[in-house]
Amino acid sequence: MATPDPQAFAEEWVNAWNAHDVDAVLAHFHEDVVFSSPVAARLFPETSGVIRGKNALRHYWSTALADHIPDLHFEVVDVYRGESALVIHYRNQNGGLVNEVLLFDGALVREGHGTYLN
């Protein structure tokens, strides 16, 4: 399957996040997306870190931005391309390095994983 242009996708992704525009980020995701993150596990322990569906992901990200990470800002370090996969390596507002692993079904993300250094 084709993978979106890595640089163009990462630029749209980081611009949407830095504008805190959750709907612009979600425009790249399937309705039945599955997303995992240790941040989700910390903020919403009942999820065990796995968010299922676009509406639930909207709630998680909107709540996280408003209540827990109002100063969120990302800087893309690099982007890696695989078959139907992109990894966006970025630095967050705390200086931490993060990888966002995105698996595509067509032009939209079907599965995503936020991964952090220990």
Protein backbone atom coordinates (compact mmCIF):
# COMPACT_ATOMS: atom_id res chain seq x y z
CA MET A 1 0.00 0.00 0.00
CA ALA A 2 1.16 3.54 -0.67
CA THR A 3 2.48 5.60 2.20
CA PRO A 4 1.78 9.36 2.29
CA ASP A 5 4.64 11.70 1.49
CA PRO A 6 6.60 11.69 4.78
CA GLN A 7 7.68 15.33 4.82
CA ALA A 8 4.30 16.73 3.76
CA PHE A 9 2.43 14.57 6.27
CA ALA A 10 4.79 15.45 9.13
CA GLU A 11 4.53 19.16 8.33
CA GLU A 12 0.71 19.06 8.40
CA TRP A 13 0.79 16.94 11.55
CA VAL A 14 3.15 19.21 13.50
CA ASN A 15 1.41 22.40 12.34
CA ALA A 16 -1.96 21.04 13.50
CA TRP A 17 -0.56 19.98 16.88
CA ASN A 18 1.25 23.27 17.44
CA ALA A 19 -2.00 25.13 16.65
CA HIS A 20 -3.76 22.82 19.15
CA ASP A 21 -6.21 21.98 16.33
CA VAL A 22 -7.33 18.49 17.32
CA ASP A 23 -9.80 18.26 14.41
CA ALA A 24 -7.02 19.01 11.91
CA VAL A 25 -4.92 16.22 13.44
CA LEU A 26 -7.90 13.85 13.42
CA ALA A 27 -8.59 14.56 9.74
CA HIS A 28 -5.78 12.06 9.03
CA PHE A 29 -7.34 9.23 11.07
CA HIS A 30 -9.93 6.52 10.33
CA GLU A 31 -13.16 6.53 12.33
CA ASP A 32 -12.18 3.21 13.94
CA VAL A 33 -8.58 4.17 14.73
CA VAL A 34 -6.75 2.51 17.61
CA PHE A 35 -4.16 4.65 19.37
CA SER A 36 -1.89 3.70 22.27
CA SER A 37 0.23 5.89 24.49
CA PRO A 38 1.69 5.84 27.99
CA VAL A 39 0.32 9.38 28.36
CA ALA A 40 -3.19 8.01 27.77
CA ALA A 41 -2.51 5.35 30.42
CA ARG A 42 -1.45 8.05 32.89
CA LEU A 43 -4.29 10.50 32.18
CA PHE A 44 -7.03 7.90 31.62
CA PRO A 45 -5.98 4.77 33.54
CA GLU A 46 -9.25 3.01 32.72
CA THR A 47 -8.10 2.80 29.06
CA SER A 48 -4.90 0.91 29.90
CA GLY A 49 -3.31 3.34 27.45
CA VAL A 50 -5.38 2.28 24.42
CA ILE A 51 -7.90 4.67 22.87
CA ARG A 52 -10.38 3.18 20.39
CA GLY A 53 -12.27 5.22 17.82
CA LYS A 54 -12.00 8.76 16.50
CA ASN A 55 -14.50 10.24 18.98
CA ALA A 56 -12.67 8.75 21.96
CA LEU A 57 -9.36 9.98 20.53
CA ARG A 58 -10.85 13.49 20.13
CA HIS A 59 -11.94 13.42 23.79
CA TYR A 60 -8.52 12.21 24.98
CA TRP A 61 -6.52 14.75 23.00
CA SER A 62 -8.87 17.66 23.72
CA THR A 63 -8.89 16.92 27.45
CA ALA A 64 -5.13 16.42 27.55
CA LEU A 65 -4.53 19.77 25.82
CA ALA A 66 -7.01 21.73 27.92
CA ASP A 67 -6.34 20.20 31.33
CA HIS A 68 -2.85 18.70 31.33
CA ILE A 69 -0.62 19.97 28.50
CA PRO A 70 -1.74 23.51 27.60
CA ASP A 71 1.81 24.41 26.52
CA LEU A 72 2.12 21.48 24.08
CA HIS A 73 4.56 22.18 21.26
CA PHE A 74 6.35 19.75 18.96
CA GLU A 75 9.45 20.07 16.80
CA VAL A 76 9.95 17.37 14.16
CA VAL A 77 13.46 15.90 14.32
CA ASP A 78 13.05 13.40 11.47
CA VAL A 79 10.50 11.28 9.65
CA TYR A 80 10.93 7.61 8.73
CA ARG A 81 8.97 5.86 6.00
CA GLY A 82 8.00 2.21 5.84
CA GLU A 83 5.42 0.27 3.86
CA SER A 84 2.10 1.81 4.91
CA ALA A 85 3.87 3.29 7.92
CA LEU A 86 5.45 6.53 9.07
CA VAL A 87 7.42 7.25 12.21
CA ILE A 88 7.59 10.87 13.25
CA HIS A 89 10.52 11.47 15.58
CA TYR A 90 9.98 14.71 17.48
CA ARG A 91 10.89 16.75 20.53
CA ASN A 92 8.04 17.81 22.82
CA GLN A 93 7.59 20.97 24.91
CA ASN A 94 9.61 19.40 27.76
CA GLY A 95 12.56 18.59 25.51
CA GLY A 96 11.70 14.90 25.52
CA LEU A 97 12.22 12.79 22.41
CA VAL A 98 9.16 10.91 21.19
CA ASN A 99 8.32 8.65 18.25
CA GLU A 100 4.82 8.58 16.81
CA VAL A 101 4.36 5.33 14.90
CA LEU A 102 1.52 5.61 12.39
CA LEU A 103 0.16 2.66 10.39
CA PHE A 104 -1.93 3.56 7.36
CA ASP A 105 -4.88 1.97 5.61
CA GLY A 106 -4.98 3.96 2.38
CA ALA A 107 -4.46 7.65 3.06
CA LEU A 108 -5.67 7.51 6.69
CA VAL A 109 -4.10 6.29 9.92
CA ARG A 110 -5.70 3.09 11.15
CA GLU A 111 -3.36 2.59 14.11
CA GLY A 112 -1.03 4.89 16.02
CA HIS A 113 1.40 4.51 18.89
CA GLY A 114 3.09 7.21 20.94
CA THR A 115 6.44 5.86 22.17
CA TYR A 116 8.72 7.54 24.71
CA LEU A 117 12.20 7.08 26.13
CA ASN A 118 12.16 5.59 29.63
